[in-house]
Amino acid sequence: MSQNQSDTDGHCGLVVNMASMAAFEGQVGQAAYSASKGGIMGMTLPIAQDLVPLGIRAVTIAPG
């Protein structure tokens, strides 16, 4: 993505991750699933900060 031509705002790409409400409210019998979704939420800000100099945005959507 960093090799893409940037748009008028200087953006070259967008990373969209999917989490779920399990990241915030664990579910009975779903410890591993909740932990993985919590990990996705936890990595979003550091990834966004690492990629911003390259013009790439990163977000996570948690439907529900």
PDB file of N, CA and C in Angstrom:
ATOM      1  N   MET A   1       0.808  -1.202   0.000  1.00  0.00           N
ATOM      2  CA  MET A   1       0.000   0.000   0.000  1.00  0.00           C
ATOM      3  C   MET A   1       0.848   1.261   0.000  1.00  0.00           C
ATOM      4  N   SER A   2       2.001   1.177   0.633  1.00  0.00           N
ATOM      5  CA  SER A   2       2.844   2.377   0.708  1.00  0.00           C
ATOM      6  C   SER A   2       3.337   2.809  -0.672  1.00  0.00           C
ATOM      7  N   GLN A   3       3.291   1.911  -1.639  1.00  0.00           N
ATOM      8  CA  GLN A   3       3.706   2.232  -2.997  1.00  0.00           C
ATOM      9  C   GLN A   3       2.572   2.826  -3.830  1.00  0.00           C
ATOM     10  N   ASN A   4       1.346   2.823  -3.302  1.00  0.00           N
ATOM     11  CA  ASN A   4       0.205   3.403  -4.017  1.00  0.00           C
ATOM     12  C   ASN A   4       0.366   4.901  -4.160  1.00  0.00           C
ATOM     13  N   GLN A   5      -0.233   5.433  -5.198  1.00  0.00           N
ATOM     14  CA  GLN A   5      -0.250   6.884  -5.358  1.00  0.00           C
ATOM     15  C   GLN A   5      -1.226   7.459  -4.339  1.00  0.00           C
ATOM     16  N   SER A   6      -0.794   8.470  -3.609  1.00  0.00           N
ATOM     17  CA  SER A   6      -1.648   9.034  -2.559  1.00  0.00           C
ATOM     18  C   SER A   6      -2.753   9.895  -3.160  1.00  0.00           C
ATOM     19  N   ASP A   7      -3.851   9.984  -2.397  1.00  0.00           N
ATOM     20  CA  ASP A   7      -4.958  10.831  -2.835  1.00  0.00           C
ATOM     21  C   ASP A   7      -4.681  12.278  -2.428  1.00  0.00           C
ATOM     22  N   THR A   8      -5.668  13.145  -2.585  1.00  0.00           N
ATOM     23  CA  THR A   8      -5.462  14.568  -2.300  1.00  0.00           C
ATOM     24  C   THR A   8      -5.198  14.834  -0.822  1.00  0.00           C
ATOM     25  N   ASP A   9      -5.588  13.904   0.056  1.00  0.00           N
ATOM     26  CA  ASP A   9      -5.347  14.065   1.488  1.00  0.00           C
ATOM     27  C   ASP A   9      -4.051  13.397   1.943  1.00  0.00           C
ATOM     28  N   GLY A  10      -3.333  12.758   1.022  1.00  0.00           N
ATOM     29  CA  GLY A  10      -2.085  12.098   1.355  1.00  0.00           C
ATOM     30  C   GLY A  10      -2.229  10.661   1.808  1.00  0.00           C
ATOM     31  N   HIS A  11      -3.411  10.075   1.653  1.00  0.00           N
ATOM     32  CA  HIS A  11      -3.638   8.687   2.054  1.00  0.00           C
ATOM     33  C   HIS A  11      -3.299   7.733   0.925  1.00  0.00           C
ATOM     34  N   CYS A  12      -2.648   6.620   1.286  1.00  0.00           N
ATOM     35  CA  CYS A  12      -2.264   5.607   0.300  1.00  0.00           C
ATOM     36  C   CYS A  12      -3.037   4.310   0.452  1.00  0.00           C
ATOM     37  N   GLY A  13      -3.716   4.133   1.567  1.00  0.00           N
ATOM     38  CA  GLY A  13      -4.438   2.886   1.793  1.00  0.00           C
ATOM     39  C   GLY A  13      -5.130   2.875   3.141  1.00  0.00           C
ATOM     40  N   LEU A  14      -5.880   1.810   3.359  1.00  0.00           N
ATOM     41  CA  LEU A  14      -6.654   1.664   4.593  1.00  0.00           C
ATOM     42  C   LEU A  14      -6.693   0.196   4.978  1.00  0.00           C
ATOM     43  N   VAL A  15      -6.358  -0.096   6.218  1.00  0.00           N
ATOM     44  CA  VAL A  15      -6.451  -1.445   6.770  1.00  0.00           C
ATOM     45  C   VAL A  15      -7.693  -1.472   7.661  1.00  0.00           C
ATOM     46  N   VAL A  16      -8.618  -2.390   7.363  1.00  0.00           N
ATOM     47  CA  VAL A  16      -9.839  -2.520   8.167  1.00  0.00           C
ATOM     48  C   VAL A  16      -9.832  -3.893   8.821  1.00  0.00           C
ATOM     49  N   ASN A  17      -9.802  -3.923  10.145  1.00  0.00           N
ATOM     50  CA  ASN A  17      -9.869  -5.164  10.902  1.00  0.00           C
ATOM     51  C   ASN A  17     -11.285  -5.344  11.443  1.00  0.00           C
ATOM     52  N   MET A  18     -11.659  -6.585  11.660  1.00  0.00           N
ATOM     53  CA  MET A  18     -12.977  -6.898  12.217  1.00  0.00           C
ATOM     54  C   MET A  18     -12.808  -7.503  13.606  1.00  0.00           C
ATOM     55  N   ALA A  19     -13.489  -6.922  14.563  1.00  0.00           N
ATOM     56  CA  ALA A  19     -13.547  -7.473  15.914  1.00  0.00           C
ATOM     57  C   ALA A  19     -15.017  -7.781  16.183  1.00  0.00           C
ATOM     58  N   SER A  20     -15.377  -7.856  17.422  1.00  0.00           N
ATOM     59  CA  SER A  20     -16.778  -8.048  17.786  1.00  0.00           C
ATOM     60  C   SER A  20     -16.975  -7.550  19.210  1.00  0.00           C
ATOM     61  N   MET A  21     -18.199  -7.566  19.658  1.00  0.00           N
ATOM     62  CA  MET A  21     -18.481  -7.142  21.027  1.00  0.00           C
ATOM     63  C   MET A  21     -17.837  -8.080  22.036  1.00  0.00           C
ATOM     64  N   ALA A  22     -17.473  -9.278  21.607  1.00  0.00           N
ATOM     65  CA  ALA A  22     -16.777 -10.216  22.497  1.00  0.00           C
ATOM     66  C   ALA A  22     -15.452  -9.631  22.981  1.00  0.00           C
ATOM     67  N   ALA A  23     -14.901  -8.679  22.249  1.00  0.00           N
ATOM     68  CA  ALA A  23     -13.655  -8.031  22.675  1.00  0.00           C
ATOM     69  C   ALA A  23     -13.874  -7.216  23.943  1.00  0.00           C
ATOM     70  N   PHE A  24     -15.091  -6.751  24.154  1.00  0.00           N
ATOM     71  CA  PHE A  24     -15.415  -5.910  25.309  1.00  0.00           C
ATOM     72  C   PHE A  24     -16.163  -6.675  26.388  1.00  0.00           C
ATOM     73  N   GLU A  25     -17.004  -7.600  25.975  1.00  0.00           N
ATOM     74  CA  GLU A  25     -17.825  -8.387  26.897  1.00  0.00           C
ATOM     75  C   GLU A  25     -17.622  -9.858  26.559  1.00  0.00           C
ATOM     76  N   GLY A  26     -16.818 -10.545  27.347  1.00  0.00           N
ATOM     77  CA  GLY A  26     -16.550 -11.954  27.098  1.00  0.00           C
ATOM     78  C   GLY A  26     -17.825 -12.787  27.115  1.00  0.00           C
ATOM     79  N   GLN A  27     -17.787 -13.894  26.423  1.00  0.00           N
ATOM     80  CA  GLN A  27     -18.933 -14.793  26.348  1.00  0.00           C
ATOM     81  C   GLN A  27     -18.581 -16.117  26.996  1.00  0.00           C
ATOM     82  N   VAL A  28     -19.532 -16.725  27.655  1.00  0.00           N
ATOM     83  CA  VAL A  28     -19.303 -18.001  28.322  1.00  0.00           C
ATOM     84  C   VAL A  28     -18.878 -19.045  27.298  1.00  0.00           C
ATOM     85  N   GLY A  29     -17.793 -19.746  27.584  1.00  0.00           N
ATOM     86  CA  GLY A  29     -17.302 -20.791  26.700  1.00  0.00           C
ATOM     87  C   GLY A  29     -16.560 -20.279  25.482  1.00  0.00           C
ATOM     88  N   GLN A  30     -16.317 -18.999  25.414  1.00  0.00           N
ATOM     89  CA  GLN A  30     -15.664 -18.413  24.245  1.00  0.00           C
ATOM     90  C   GLN A  30     -14.413 -17.617  24.638  1.00  0.00           C
ATOM     91  N   ALA A  31     -13.646 -18.143  25.573  1.00  0.00           N
ATOM     92  CA  ALA A  31     -12.473 -17.407  26.063  1.00  0.00           C
ATOM     93  C   ALA A  31     -11.466 -17.137  24.953  1.00  0.00           C
ATOM     94  N   ALA A  32     -11.170 -18.137  24.129  1.00  0.00           N
ATOM     95  CA  ALA A  32     -10.181 -17.951  23.066  1.00  0.00           C
ATOM     96  C   ALA A  32     -10.666 -16.940  22.035  1.00  0.00           C
ATOM     97  N   TYR A  33     -11.943 -17.019  21.677  1.00  0.00           N
ATOM     98  CA  TYR A  33     -12.513 -16.081  20.706  1.00  0.00           C
ATOM     99  C   TYR A  33     -12.466 -14.657  21.256  1.00  0.00           C
ATOM    100  N   SER A  34     -12.873 -14.485  22.510  1.00  0.00           N
ATOM    101  CA  SER A  34     -12.853 -13.152  23.120  1.00  0.00           C
ATOM    102  C   SER A  34     -11.438 -12.607  23.215  1.00  0.00           C
ATOM    103  N   ALA A  35     -10.485 -13.481  23.543  1.00  0.00           N
ATOM    104  CA  ALA A  35      -9.093 -13.043  23.643  1.00  0.00           C
ATOM    105  C   ALA A  35      -8.548 -12.608  22.287  1.00  0.00           C
ATOM    106  N   SER A  36      -8.898 -13.343  21.233  1.00  0.00           N
ATOM    107  CA  SER A  36      -8.401 -12.966  19.906  1.00  0.00           C
ATOM    108  C   SER A  36      -8.999 -11.643  19.454  1.00  0.00           C
ATOM    109  N   LYS A  37     -10.273 -11.418  19.734  1.00  0.00           N
ATOM    110  CA  LYS A  37     -10.903 -10.155  19.358  1.00  0.00           C
ATOM    111  C   LYS A  37     -10.358  -9.006  20.196  1.00  0.00           C
ATOM    112  N   GLY A  38     -10.054  -9.273  21.457  1.00  0.00           N
ATOM    113  CA  GLY A  38      -9.416  -8.258  22.297  1.00  0.00           C
ATOM    114  C   GLY A  38      -8.029  -7.914  21.787  1.00  0.00           C
ATOM    115  N   GLY A  39      -7.314  -8.911  21.269  1.00  0.00           N
ATOM    116  CA  GLY A  39      -5.996  -8.670  20.687  1.00  0.00           C
ATOM    117  C   GLY A  39      -6.066  -7.780  19.463  1.00  0.00           C
ATOM    118  N   ILE A  40      -7.077  -7.999  18.647  1.00  0.00           N
ATOM    119  CA  ILE A  40      -7.262  -7.155  17.470  1.00  0.00           C
ATOM    120  C   ILE A  40      -7.513  -5.712  17.886  1.00  0.00           C
ATOM    121  N   MET A  41      -8.357  -5.536  18.898  1.00  0.00           N
ATOM    122  CA  MET A  41      -8.620  -4.175  19.380  1.00  0.00           C
ATOM    123  C   MET A  41      -7.341  -3.542  19.932  1.00  0.00           C
ATOM    124  N   GLY A  42      -6.555  -4.339  20.652  1.00  0.00           N
ATOM    125  CA  GLY A  42      -5.335  -3.820  21.260  1.00  0.00           C
ATOM    126  C   GLY A  42      -4.246  -3.460  20.271  1.00  0.00           C
ATOM    127  N   MET A  43      -4.221  -4.120  19.109  1.00  0.00           N
ATOM    128  CA  MET A  43      -3.161  -3.839  18.141  1.00  0.00           C
ATOM    129  C   MET A  43      -3.502  -2.685  17.202  1.00  0.00           C
ATOM    130  N   THR A  44      -4.752  -2.252  17.195  1.00  0.00           N
ATOM    131  CA  THR A  44      -5.181  -1.242  16.222  1.00  0.00           C
ATOM    132  C   THR A  44      -4.421   0.075  16.365  1.00  0.00           C
ATOM    133  N   LEU A  45      -4.344   0.615  17.552  1.00  0.00           N
ATOM    134  CA  LEU A  45      -3.675   1.909  17.739  1.00  0.00           C
ATOM    135  C   LEU A  45      -2.179   1.838  17.418  1.00  0.00           C
ATOM    136  N   PRO A  46      -1.438   0.837  17.914  1.00  0.00           N
ATOM    137  CA  PRO A  46      -0.018   0.778  17.542  1.00  0.00           C
ATOM    138  C   PRO A  46       0.211   0.610  16.042  1.00  0.00           C
ATOM    139  N   ILE A  47      -0.616  -0.194  15.389  1.00  0.00           N
ATOM    140  CA  ILE A  47      -0.472  -0.359  13.935  1.00  0.00           C
ATOM    141  C   ILE A  47      -0.767   0.956  13.227  1.00  0.00           C
ATOM    142  N   ALA A  48      -1.819   1.646  13.657  1.00  0.00           N
ATOM    143  CA  ALA A  48      -2.161   2.936  13.043  1.00  0.00           C
ATOM    144  C   ALA A  48      -1.017   3.930  13.212  1.00  0.00           C
ATOM    145  N   GLN A  49      -0.409   3.944  14.390  1.00  0.00           N
ATOM    146  CA  GLN A  49       0.700   4.868  14.629  1.00  0.00           C
ATOM    147  C   GLN A  49       1.932   4.500  13.796  1.00  0.00           C
ATOM    148  N   ASP A  50       2.162   3.216  13.601  1.00  0.00           N
ATOM    149  CA  ASP A  50       3.304   2.780  12.786  1.00  0.00           C
ATOM    150  C   ASP A  50       3.118   3.100  11.311  1.00  0.00           C
ATOM    151  N   LEU A  51       1.878   3.040  10.824  1.00  0.00           N
ATOM    152  CA  LEU A  51       1.626   3.202   9.398  1.00  0.00           C
ATOM    153  C   LEU A  51       1.328   4.642   8.964  1.00  0.00           C
ATOM    154  N   VAL A  52       1.032   5.515   9.904  1.00  0.00           N
ATOM    155  CA  VAL A  52       0.662   6.887   9.526  1.00  0.00           C
ATOM    156  C   VAL A  52       1.765   7.599   8.732  1.00  0.00           C
ATOM    157  N   PRO A  53       3.057   7.388   9.000  1.00  0.00           N
ATOM    158  CA  PRO A  53       4.061   8.055   8.167  1.00  0.00           C
ATOM    159  C   PRO A  53       4.032   7.607   6.701  1.00  0.00           C
ATOM    160  N   LEU A  54       3.473   6.422   6.465  1.00  0.00           N
ATOM    161  CA  LEU A  54       3.388   5.902   5.097  1.00  0.00           C
ATOM    162  C   LEU A  54       2.092   6.315   4.405  1.00  0.00           C
ATOM    163  N   GLY A  55       1.224   7.026   5.117  1.00  0.00           N
ATOM    164  CA  GLY A  55      -0.047   7.450   4.535  1.00  0.00           C
ATOM    165  C   GLY A  55      -1.108   6.368   4.562  1.00  0.00           C
ATOM    166  N   ILE A  56      -0.940   5.383   5.440  1.00  0.00           N
ATOM    167  CA  ILE A  56      -1.896   4.277   5.532  1.00  0.00           C
ATOM    168  C   ILE A  56      -2.648   4.395   6.844  1.00  0.00           C
ATOM    169  N   ARG A  57      -3.965   4.338   6.762  1.00  0.00           N
ATOM    170  CA  ARG A  57      -4.806   4.380   7.964  1.00  0.00           C
ATOM    171  C   ARG A  57      -5.145   2.962   8.389  1.00  0.00           C
ATOM    172  N   ALA A  58      -5.400   2.771   9.678  1.00  0.00           N
ATOM    173  CA  ALA A  58      -5.797   1.469  10.205  1.00  0.00           C
ATOM    174  C   ALA A  58      -6.943   1.677  11.199  1.00  0.00           C
ATOM    175  N   VAL A  59      -7.983   0.884  11.048  1.00  0.00           N
ATOM    176  CA  VAL A  59      -9.147   0.965  11.931  1.00  0.00           C
ATOM    177  C   VAL A  59      -9.636  -0.449  12.253  1.00  0.00           C
ATOM    178  N   THR A  60     -10.434  -0.559  13.302  1.00  0.00           N
ATOM    179  CA  THR A  60     -11.093  -1.818  13.621  1.00  0.00           C
ATOM    180  C   THR A  60     -12.564  -1.543  13.832  1.00  0.00           C
ATOM    181  N   ILE A  61     -13.381  -2.379  13.246  1.00  0.00           N
ATOM    182  CA  ILE A  61     -14.837  -2.285  13.386  1.00  0.00           C
ATOM    183  C   ILE A  61     -15.276  -3.408  14.316  1.00  0.00           C
ATOM    184  N   ALA A  62     -16.113  -3.069  15.287  1.00  0.00           N
ATOM    185  CA  ALA A  62     -16.657  -4.061  16.208  1.00  0.00           C
ATOM    186  C   ALA A  62     -18.186  -4.001  16.136  1.00  0.00           C
ATOM    187  N   PRO A  63     -18.781  -4.693  15.168  1.00  0.00           N
ATOM    188  CA  PRO A  63     -20.243  -4.647  15.038  1.00  0.00           C
ATOM    189  C   PRO A  63     -20.927  -5.267  16.249  1.00  0.00           C
ATOM    190  N   GLY A  64     -22.094  -4.764  16.522  1.00  0.00           N
ATOM    191  CA  GLY A  64     -22.882  -5.312  17.624  1.00  0.00           C
ATOM    192  C   GLY A  64     -23.074  -4.295  18.644  1.00  0.00           C
TER     193      GLY A  64
END
